[in-house]
PDB file of N, CA and C in Angstrom:
ATOM      1  N   UNK A   1     145.718 -29.004 -72.985  1.00  0.00           N
ATOM      2  CA  UNK A   1     146.430 -30.106 -72.350  1.00  0.00           C
ATOM      3  C   UNK A   1     146.967 -31.033 -73.445  1.00  0.00           C
ATOM      4  N   UNK A   2     148.255 -31.379 -73.437  1.00  0.00           N
ATOM      5  CA  UNK A   2     148.808 -32.229 -74.495  1.00  0.00           C
ATOM      6  C   UNK A   2     148.246 -33.642 -74.418  1.00  0.00           C
ATOM      7  N   UNK A   3     148.092 -34.223 -75.585  1.00  0.00           N
ATOM      8  CA  UNK A   3     147.616 -35.601 -75.627  1.00  0.00           C
ATOM      9  C   UNK A   3     148.768 -36.518 -75.991  1.00  0.00           C
ATOM     10  N   UNK A   4     148.657 -37.750 -75.589  1.00  0.00           N
ATOM     11  CA  UNK A   4     149.671 -38.753 -75.879  1.00  0.00           C
ATOM     12  C   UNK A   4     149.086 -39.723 -76.886  1.00  0.00           C
ATOM     13  N   UNK A   5     149.829 -39.984 -77.938  1.00  0.00           N
ATOM     14  CA  UNK A   5     149.367 -40.930 -78.952  1.00  0.00           C
ATOM     15  C   UNK A   5     149.332 -42.323 -78.335  1.00  0.00           C
ATOM     16  N   UNK A   6     148.181 -43.006 -78.403  1.00  0.00           N
ATOM     17  CA  UNK A   6     148.095 -44.332 -77.789  1.00  0.00           C
ATOM     18  C   UNK A   6     148.951 -45.356 -78.543  1.00  0.00           C
ATOM     19  N   UNK A   7     149.462 -46.313 -77.811  1.00  0.00           N
ATOM     20  CA  UNK A   7     150.255 -47.380 -78.413  1.00  0.00           C
ATOM     21  C   UNK A   7     149.366 -48.576 -78.725  1.00  0.00           C
ATOM     22  N   UNK A   8     149.684 -49.260 -79.793  1.00  0.00           N
ATOM     23  CA  UNK A   8     149.007 -50.521 -80.089  1.00  0.00           C
ATOM     24  C   UNK A   8     149.622 -51.607 -79.208  1.00  0.00           C
ATOM     25  N   UNK A   9     148.981 -52.752 -79.130  1.00  0.00           N
ATOM     26  CA  UNK A   9     149.538 -53.874 -78.382  1.00  0.00           C
ATOM     27  C   UNK A   9     150.912 -54.253 -78.891  1.00  0.00           C
ATOM     28  N   UNK A  10     151.066 -54.246 -80.217  1.00  0.00           N
ATOM     29  CA  UNK A  10     152.353 -54.573 -80.837  1.00  0.00           C
ATOM     30  C   UNK A  10     153.425 -53.567 -80.411  1.00  0.00           C
ATOM     31  N   UNK A  11     153.065 -52.287 -80.387  1.00  0.00           N
ATOM     32  CA  UNK A  11     154.030 -51.262 -79.984  1.00  0.00           C
ATOM     33  C   UNK A  11     154.448 -51.409 -78.525  1.00  0.00           C
ATOM     34  N   UNK A  12     153.518 -51.808 -77.656  1.00  0.00           N
ATOM     35  CA  UNK A  12     153.865 -52.070 -76.252  1.00  0.00           C
ATOM     36  C   UNK A  12     154.889 -53.199 -76.169  1.00  0.00           C
ATOM     37  N   UNK A  13     154.623 -54.291 -76.873  1.00  0.00           N
ATOM     38  CA  UNK A  13     155.537 -55.447 -76.844  1.00  0.00           C
ATOM     39  C   UNK A  13     156.903 -55.034 -77.359  1.00  0.00           C
ATOM     40  N   UNK A  14     156.937 -54.287 -78.450  1.00  0.00           N
ATOM     41  CA  UNK A  14     158.217 -53.849 -79.022  1.00  0.00           C
ATOM     42  C   UNK A  14     158.980 -52.933 -78.063  1.00  0.00           C
ATOM     43  N   UNK A  15     158.283 -52.019 -77.399  1.00  0.00           N
ATOM     44  CA  UNK A  15     158.945 -51.099 -76.464  1.00  0.00           C
ATOM     45  C   UNK A  15     159.518 -51.847 -75.261  1.00  0.00           C
ATOM     46  N   UNK A  16     158.764 -52.796 -74.740  1.00  0.00           N
ATOM     47  CA  UNK A  16     159.233 -53.579 -73.584  1.00  0.00           C
ATOM     48  C   UNK A  16     160.396 -54.469 -73.986  1.00  0.00           C
ATOM     49  N   UNK A  17     160.282 -55.129 -75.142  1.00  0.00           N
ATOM     50  CA  UNK A  17     161.365 -55.998 -75.622  1.00  0.00           C
ATOM     51  C   UNK A  17     162.648 -55.195 -75.822  1.00  0.00           C
ATOM     52  N   UNK A  18     162.520 -53.999 -76.373  1.00  0.00           N
ATOM     53  CA  UNK A  18     163.694 -53.146 -76.582  1.00  0.00           C
ATOM     54  C   UNK A  18     164.363 -52.812 -75.252  1.00  0.00           C
ATOM     55  N   UNK A  19     163.561 -52.477 -74.258  1.00  0.00           N
ATOM     56  CA  UNK A  19     164.114 -52.095 -72.954  1.00  0.00           C
ATOM     57  C   UNK A  19     164.842 -53.244 -72.276  1.00  0.00           C
ATOM     58  N   UNK A  20     164.339 -54.465 -72.433  1.00  0.00           N
ATOM     59  CA  UNK A  20     165.004 -55.601 -71.775  1.00  0.00           C
ATOM     60  C   UNK A  20     166.015 -56.286 -72.691  1.00  0.00           C
ATOM     61  N   UNK A  21     166.160 -55.753 -73.918  1.00  0.00           N
ATOM     62  CA  UNK A  21     167.209 -56.225 -74.810  1.00  0.00           C
ATOM     63  C   UNK A  21     166.943 -57.558 -75.479  1.00  0.00           C
ATOM     64  N   UNK A  22     165.709 -57.816 -75.846  1.00  0.00           N
ATOM     65  CA  UNK A  22     165.373 -59.047 -76.555  1.00  0.00           C
ATOM     66  C   UNK A  22     164.588 -58.711 -77.814  1.00  0.00           C
ATOM     67  N   UNK A  23     164.521 -59.676 -78.720  1.00  0.00           N
ATOM     68  CA  UNK A  23     163.698 -59.501 -79.911  1.00  0.00           C
ATOM     69  C   UNK A  23     162.231 -59.715 -79.524  1.00  0.00           C
ATOM     70  N   UNK A  24     161.352 -58.845 -79.993  1.00  0.00           N
ATOM     71  CA  UNK A  24     159.937 -59.042 -79.665  1.00  0.00           C
ATOM     72  C   UNK A  24     159.376 -60.267 -80.376  1.00  0.00           C
ATOM     73  N   UNK A  25     158.574 -61.032 -79.662  1.00  0.00           N
ATOM     74  CA  UNK A  25     157.902 -62.199 -80.229  1.00  0.00           C
ATOM     75  C   UNK A  25     156.413 -62.026 -79.979  1.00  0.00           C
ATOM     76  N   UNK A  26     155.662 -62.030 -81.049  1.00  0.00           N
ATOM     77  CA  UNK A  26     154.230 -61.797 -80.941  1.00  0.00           C
ATOM     78  C   UNK A  26     153.482 -62.942 -81.607  1.00  0.00           C
ATOM     79  N   UNK A  27     152.506 -63.480 -80.895  1.00  0.00           N
ATOM     80  CA  UNK A  27     151.615 -64.486 -81.451  1.00  0.00           C
ATOM     81  C   UNK A  27     150.198 -64.006 -81.241  1.00  0.00           C
ATOM     82  N   UNK A  28     149.386 -64.132 -82.260  1.00  0.00           N
ATOM     83  CA  UNK A  28     147.992 -63.736 -82.155  1.00  0.00           C
ATOM     84  C   UNK A  28     147.115 -64.972 -82.016  1.00  0.00           C
ATOM     85  N   UNK A  29     146.105 -64.857 -81.194  1.00  0.00           N
ATOM     86  CA  UNK A  29     145.113 -65.925 -81.054  1.00  0.00           C
ATOM     87  C   UNK A  29     143.764 -65.348 -81.458  1.00  0.00           C
ATOM     88  N   UNK A  30     143.049 -66.057 -82.280  1.00  0.00           N
ATOM     89  CA  UNK A  30     141.730 -65.594 -82.707  1.00  0.00           C
ATOM     90  C   UNK A  30     140.772 -65.641 -81.515  1.00  0.00           C
ATOM     91  N   UNK A  31     139.684 -64.877 -81.575  1.00  0.00           N
ATOM     92  CA  UNK A  31     138.685 -64.955 -80.502  1.00  0.00           C
ATOM     93  C   UNK A  31     138.186 -66.387 -80.274  1.00  0.00           C
ATOM     94  N   UNK A  32     138.036 -67.138 -81.337  1.00  0.00           N
ATOM     95  CA  UNK A  32     137.609 -68.538 -81.199  1.00  0.00           C
ATOM     96  C   UNK A  32     138.635 -69.337 -80.404  1.00  0.00           C
ATOM     97  N   UNK A  33     139.916 -69.159 -80.729  1.00  0.00           N
ATOM     98  CA  UNK A  33     140.977 -69.880 -80.018  1.00  0.00           C
ATOM     99  C   UNK A  33     141.021 -69.471 -78.548  1.00  0.00           C
ATOM    100  N   UNK A  34     140.809 -68.197 -78.269  1.00  0.00           N
ATOM    101  CA  UNK A  34     140.801 -67.734 -76.878  1.00  0.00           C
ATOM    102  C   UNK A  34     139.660 -68.392 -76.108  1.00  0.00           C
ATOM    103  N   UNK A  35     138.512 -68.549 -76.754  1.00  0.00           N
ATOM    104  CA  UNK A  35     137.372 -69.223 -76.115  1.00  0.00           C
ATOM    105  C   UNK A  35     137.699 -70.684 -75.831  1.00  0.00           C
ATOM    106  N   UNK A  36     138.362 -71.338 -76.767  1.00  0.00           N
ATOM    107  CA  UNK A  36     138.777 -72.741 -76.557  1.00  0.00           C
ATOM    108  C   UNK A  36     139.771 -72.817 -75.395  1.00  0.00           C
ATOM    109  N   UNK A  37     140.761 -71.945 -75.395  1.00  0.00           N
ATOM    110  CA  UNK A  37     141.747 -71.925 -74.313  1.00  0.00           C
ATOM    111  C   UNK A  37     141.074 -71.667 -72.962  1.00  0.00           C
ATOM    112  N   UNK A  38     139.992 -70.875 -72.975  1.00  0.00           N
ATOM    113  CA  UNK A  38     139.254 -70.579 -71.750  1.00  0.00           C
ATOM    114  C   UNK A  38     138.628 -71.800 -71.105  1.00  0.00           C
ATOM    115  N   UNK A  39     138.437 -72.860 -71.877  1.00  0.00           N
ATOM    116  CA  UNK A  39     137.905 -74.106 -71.312  1.00  0.00           C
ATOM    117  C   UNK A  39     138.912 -74.770 -70.381  1.00  0.00           C
ATOM    118  N   UNK A  40     140.194 -74.468 -70.594  1.00  0.00           N
ATOM    119  CA  UNK A  40     141.255 -75.126 -69.841  1.00  0.00           C
ATOM    120  C   UNK A  40     142.038 -74.193 -68.917  1.00  0.00           C
ATOM    121  N   UNK A  41     141.925 -72.893 -69.161  1.00  0.00           N
ATOM    122  CA  UNK A  41     142.712 -71.931 -68.402  1.00  0.00           C
ATOM    123  C   UNK A  41     141.794 -70.829 -67.877  1.00  0.00           C
ATOM    124  N   UNK A  42     141.659 -70.706 -66.553  1.00  0.00           N
ATOM    125  CA  UNK A  42     140.745 -69.712 -65.987  1.00  0.00           C
ATOM    126  C   UNK A  42     141.065 -68.267 -66.386  1.00  0.00           C
ATOM    127  N   UNK A  43     142.343 -67.950 -66.550  1.00  0.00           N
ATOM    128  CA  UNK A  43     142.708 -66.588 -66.951  1.00  0.00           C
ATOM    129  C   UNK A  43     142.181 -66.304 -68.353  1.00  0.00           C
ATOM    130  N   UNK A  44     142.347 -67.250 -69.252  1.00  0.00           N
ATOM    131  CA  UNK A  44     141.862 -67.059 -70.619  1.00  0.00           C
ATOM    132  C   UNK A  44     140.340 -67.011 -70.653  1.00  0.00           C
ATOM    133  N   UNK A  45     139.700 -67.729 -69.761  1.00  0.00           N
ATOM    134  CA  UNK A  45     138.234 -67.692 -69.690  1.00  0.00           C
ATOM    135  C   UNK A  45     137.771 -66.275 -69.359  1.00  0.00           C
ATOM    136  N   UNK A  46     138.447 -65.616 -68.426  1.00  0.00           N
ATOM    137  CA  UNK A  46     138.098 -64.245 -68.069  1.00  0.00           C
ATOM    138  C   UNK A  46     138.461 -63.275 -69.192  1.00  0.00           C
ATOM    139  N   UNK A  47     139.499 -63.601 -69.923  1.00  0.00           N
ATOM    140  CA  UNK A  47     139.950 -62.741 -71.013  1.00  0.00           C
ATOM    141  C   UNK A  47     138.895 -62.618 -72.105  1.00  0.00           C
ATOM    142  N   UNK A  48     138.118 -63.683 -72.307  1.00  0.00           N
ATOM    143  CA  UNK A  48     137.067 -63.675 -73.322  1.00  0.00           C
ATOM    144  C   UNK A  48     136.136 -62.479 -73.112  1.00  0.00           C
ATOM    145  N   UNK A  49     135.824 -62.178 -71.856  1.00  0.00           N
ATOM    146  CA  UNK A  49     134.923 -61.069 -71.558  1.00  0.00           C
ATOM    147  C   UNK A  49     135.527 -59.715 -71.896  1.00  0.00           C
ATOM    148  N   UNK A  50     136.831 -59.649 -72.045  1.00  0.00           N
ATOM    149  CA  UNK A  50     137.507 -58.377 -72.297  1.00  0.00           C
ATOM    150  C   UNK A  50     137.872 -58.183 -73.775  1.00  0.00           C
ATOM    151  N   UNK A  51     137.463 -59.085 -74.634  1.00  0.00           N
ATOM    152  CA  UNK A  51     137.831 -58.997 -76.044  1.00  0.00           C
ATOM    153  C   UNK A  51     137.340 -57.714 -76.704  1.00  0.00           C
ATOM    154  N   UNK A  52     136.262 -57.142 -76.193  1.00  0.00           N
ATOM    155  CA  UNK A  52     135.748 -55.906 -76.779  1.00  0.00           C
ATOM    156  C   UNK A  52     136.793 -54.793 -76.773  1.00  0.00           C
ATOM    157  N   UNK A  53     137.754 -54.862 -75.878  1.00  0.00           N
ATOM    158  CA  UNK A  53     138.790 -53.831 -75.806  1.00  0.00           C
ATOM    159  C   UNK A  53     139.721 -53.874 -77.011  1.00  0.00           C
ATOM    160  N   UNK A  54     139.695 -54.965 -77.736  1.00  0.00           N
ATOM    161  CA  UNK A  54     140.632 -55.145 -78.833  1.00  0.00           C
ATOM    162  C   UNK A  54     139.997 -55.041 -80.207  1.00  0.00           C
ATOM    163  N   UNK A  55     138.688 -54.842 -80.281  1.00  0.00           N
ATOM    164  CA  UNK A  55     138.063 -54.744 -81.600  1.00  0.00           C
ATOM    165  C   UNK A  55     137.564 -53.328 -81.909  1.00  0.00           C
ATOM    166  N   UNK A  56     137.897 -52.389 -81.050  1.00  0.00           N
ATOM    167  CA  UNK A  56     137.556 -50.980 -81.286  1.00  0.00           C
ATOM    168  C   UNK A  56     138.518 -50.107 -80.484  1.00  0.00           C
ATOM    169  N   UNK A  57     138.525 -48.834 -80.808  1.00  0.00           N
ATOM    170  CA  UNK A  57     139.380 -47.911 -80.054  1.00  0.00           C
ATOM    171  C   UNK A  57     138.971 -47.913 -78.587  1.00  0.00           C
ATOM    172  N   UNK A  58     139.951 -47.884 -77.727  1.00  0.00           N
ATOM    173  CA  UNK A  58     139.726 -47.929 -76.279  1.00  0.00           C
ATOM    174  C   UNK A  58     140.690 -46.948 -75.651  1.00  0.00           C
ATOM    175  N   UNK A  59     140.258 -45.704 -75.514  1.00  0.00           N
ATOM    176  CA  UNK A  59     141.137 -44.646 -75.031  1.00  0.00           C
ATOM    177  C   UNK A  59     140.693 -44.140 -73.662  1.00  0.00           C
ATOM    178  N   UNK A  60     141.661 -43.779 -72.854  1.00  0.00           N
ATOM    179  CA  UNK A  60     141.394 -43.240 -71.529  1.00  0.00           C
ATOM    180  C   UNK A  60     141.694 -41.742 -71.520  1.00  0.00           C
ATOM    181  N   UNK A  61     140.938 -41.005 -70.756  1.00  0.00           N
ATOM    182  CA  UNK A  61     141.170 -39.582 -70.583  1.00  0.00           C
ATOM    183  C   UNK A  61     141.460 -39.345 -69.106  1.00  0.00           C
ATOM    184  N   UNK A  62     142.681 -38.963 -68.807  1.00  0.00           N
ATOM    185  CA  UNK A  62     143.074 -38.760 -67.410  1.00  0.00           C
ATOM    186  C   UNK A  62     143.060 -37.293 -67.007  1.00  0.00           C
ATOM    187  N   UNK A  63     142.493 -36.434 -67.830  1.00  0.00           N
ATOM    188  CA  UNK A  63     142.562 -34.995 -67.570  1.00  0.00           C
ATOM    189  C   UNK A  63     141.928 -34.591 -66.236  1.00  0.00           C
ATOM    190  N   UNK A  64     140.821 -35.206 -65.853  1.00  0.00           N
ATOM    191  CA  UNK A  64     140.193 -34.845 -64.577  1.00  0.00           C
ATOM    192  C   UNK A  64     141.081 -35.232 -63.393  1.00  0.00           C
ATOM    193  N   UNK A  65     141.651 -36.408 -63.433  1.00  0.00           N
ATOM    194  CA  UNK A  65     142.538 -36.861 -62.358  1.00  0.00           C
ATOM    195  C   UNK A  65     143.775 -35.970 -62.293  1.00  0.00           C
ATOM    196  N   UNK A  66     144.328 -35.639 -63.465  1.00  0.00           N
ATOM    197  CA  UNK A  66     145.504 -34.767 -63.511  1.00  0.00           C
ATOM    198  C   UNK A  66     145.202 -33.411 -62.891  1.00  0.00           C
ATOM    199  N   UNK A  67     144.023 -32.885 -63.179  1.00  0.00           N
ATOM    200  CA  UNK A  67     143.640 -31.566 -62.658  1.00  0.00           C
ATOM    201  C   UNK A  67     143.395 -31.611 -61.152  1.00  0.00           C
ATOM    202  N   UNK A  68     142.624 -32.565 -60.702  1.00  0.00           N
ATOM    203  CA  UNK A  68     142.251 -32.646 -59.286  1.00  0.00           C
ATOM    204  C   UNK A  68     143.458 -32.945 -58.407  1.00  0.00           C
ATOM    205  N   UNK A  69     144.284 -33.917 -58.824  1.00  0.00           N
ATOM    206  CA  UNK A  69     145.394 -34.352 -57.981  1.00  0.00           C
ATOM    207  C   UNK A  69     146.732 -33.718 -58.361  1.00  0.00           C
ATOM    208  N   UNK A  70     146.711 -32.851 -59.361  1.00  0.00           N
ATOM    209  CA  UNK A  70     147.922 -32.142 -59.787  1.00  0.00           C
ATOM    210  C   UNK A  70     149.069 -33.112 -60.107  1.00  0.00           C
ATOM    211  N   UNK A  71     148.745 -34.115 -60.896  1.00  0.00           N
ATOM    212  CA  UNK A  71     149.751 -35.094 -61.304  1.00  0.00           C
ATOM    213  C   UNK A  71     149.804 -35.172 -62.825  1.00  0.00           C
ATOM    214  N   UNK A  72     150.885 -35.709 -63.328  1.00  0.00           N
ATOM    215  CA  UNK A  72     151.067 -35.905 -64.763  1.00  0.00           C
ATOM    216  C   UNK A  72     151.389 -37.372 -65.010  1.00  0.00           C
ATOM    217  N   UNK A  73     150.913 -37.916 -66.114  1.00  0.00           N
ATOM    218  CA  UNK A  73     151.242 -39.314 -66.422  1.00  0.00           C
ATOM    219  C   UNK A  73     152.729 -39.476 -66.735  1.00  0.00           C
ATOM    220  N   UNK A  74     153.259 -40.618 -66.396  1.00  0.00           N
ATOM    221  CA  UNK A  74     154.646 -40.938 -66.711  1.00  0.00           C
ATOM    222  C   UNK A  74     154.713 -41.338 -68.179  1.00  0.00           C
ATOM    223  N   UNK A  75     155.636 -40.774 -68.953  1.00  0.00           N
ATOM    224  CA  UNK A  75     155.777 -41.186 -70.355  1.00  0.00           C
ATOM    225  C   UNK A  75     156.036 -42.689 -70.447  1.00  0.00           C
ATOM    226  N   UNK A  76     155.511 -43.299 -71.484  1.00  0.00           N
ATOM    227  CA  UNK A  76     155.559 -44.755 -71.638  1.00  0.00           C
ATOM    228  C   UNK A  76     156.980 -45.310 -71.509  1.00  0.00           C
ATOM    229  N   UNK A  77     157.912 -44.755 -72.262  1.00  0.00           N
ATOM    230  CA  UNK A  77     159.279 -45.307 -72.228  1.00  0.00           C
ATOM    231  C   UNK A  77     159.905 -45.185 -70.849  1.00  0.00           C
ATOM    232  N   UNK A  78     159.618 -44.092 -70.154  1.00  0.00           N
ATOM    233  CA  UNK A  78     160.134 -43.924 -68.797  1.00  0.00           C
ATOM    234  C   UNK A  78     159.486 -44.935 -67.843  1.00  0.00           C
ATOM    235  N   UNK A  79     158.189 -45.139 -67.984  1.00  0.00           N
ATOM    236  CA  UNK A  79     157.483 -46.105 -67.132  1.00  0.00           C
ATOM    237  C   UNK A  79     158.025 -47.516 -67.338  1.00  0.00           C
ATOM    238  N   UNK A  80     158.258 -47.885 -68.597  1.00  0.00           N
ATOM    239  CA  UNK A  80     158.798 -49.218 -68.892  1.00  0.00           C
ATOM    240  C   UNK A  80     160.176 -49.366 -68.255  1.00  0.00           C
ATOM    241  N   UNK A  81     161.025 -48.339 -68.358  1.00  0.00           N
ATOM    242  CA  UNK A  81     162.357 -48.385 -67.739  1.00  0.00           C
ATOM    243  C   UNK A  81     162.249 -48.582 -66.237  1.00  0.00           C
ATOM    244  N   UNK A  82     161.333 -47.860 -65.591  1.00  0.00           N
ATOM    245  CA  UNK A  82     161.152 -47.989 -64.139  1.00  0.00           C
ATOM    246  C   UNK A  82     160.703 -49.404 -63.777  1.00  0.00           C
ATOM    247  N   UNK A  83     159.787 -49.946 -64.538  1.00  0.00           N
ATOM    248  CA  UNK A  83     159.289 -51.303 -64.245  1.00  0.00           C
ATOM    249  C   UNK A  83     160.402 -52.325 -64.411  1.00  0.00           C
ATOM    250  N   UNK A  84     161.137 -52.225 -65.518  1.00  0.00           N
ATOM    251  CA  UNK A  84     162.205 -53.190 -65.777  1.00  0.00           C
ATOM    252  C   UNK A  84     163.312 -53.092 -64.738  1.00  0.00           C
ATOM    253  N   UNK A  85     163.687 -51.884 -64.358  1.00  0.00           N
ATOM    254  CA  UNK A  85     164.797 -51.698 -63.415  1.00  0.00           C
ATOM    255  C   UNK A  85     164.419 -51.933 -61.962  1.00  0.00           C
ATOM    256  N   UNK A  86     163.135 -51.808 -61.633  1.00  0.00           N
ATOM    257  CA  UNK A  86     162.703 -51.991 -60.241  1.00  0.00           C
ATOM    258  C   UNK A  86     161.922 -53.278 -60.031  1.00  0.00           C
ATOM    259  N   UNK A  87     161.692 -54.017 -61.103  1.00  0.00           N
ATOM    260  CA  UNK A  87     160.863 -55.222 -61.014  1.00  0.00           C
ATOM    261  C   UNK A  87     161.641 -56.374 -60.581  1.00  0.00           C
TER     262      UNK A  87
END
């Protein structure tokens, strides 16, 4: 079964920005800053609990779902186009 090379967060932003025709703008916030922001913003407060996803590899394997339901994942660039054009 073919594997898809995972995209970094930066690559996702760049791919989406390219599709909508803008320059990508990326700002990083340290874990400490995210914790501070969480004091004032409920979404950021919940984000603190998910930081582990960003300090190590976090890969998904969809092979069982693909086999059972006979489906294939949509390629990233195609999915972004669908979201932008139908959103």
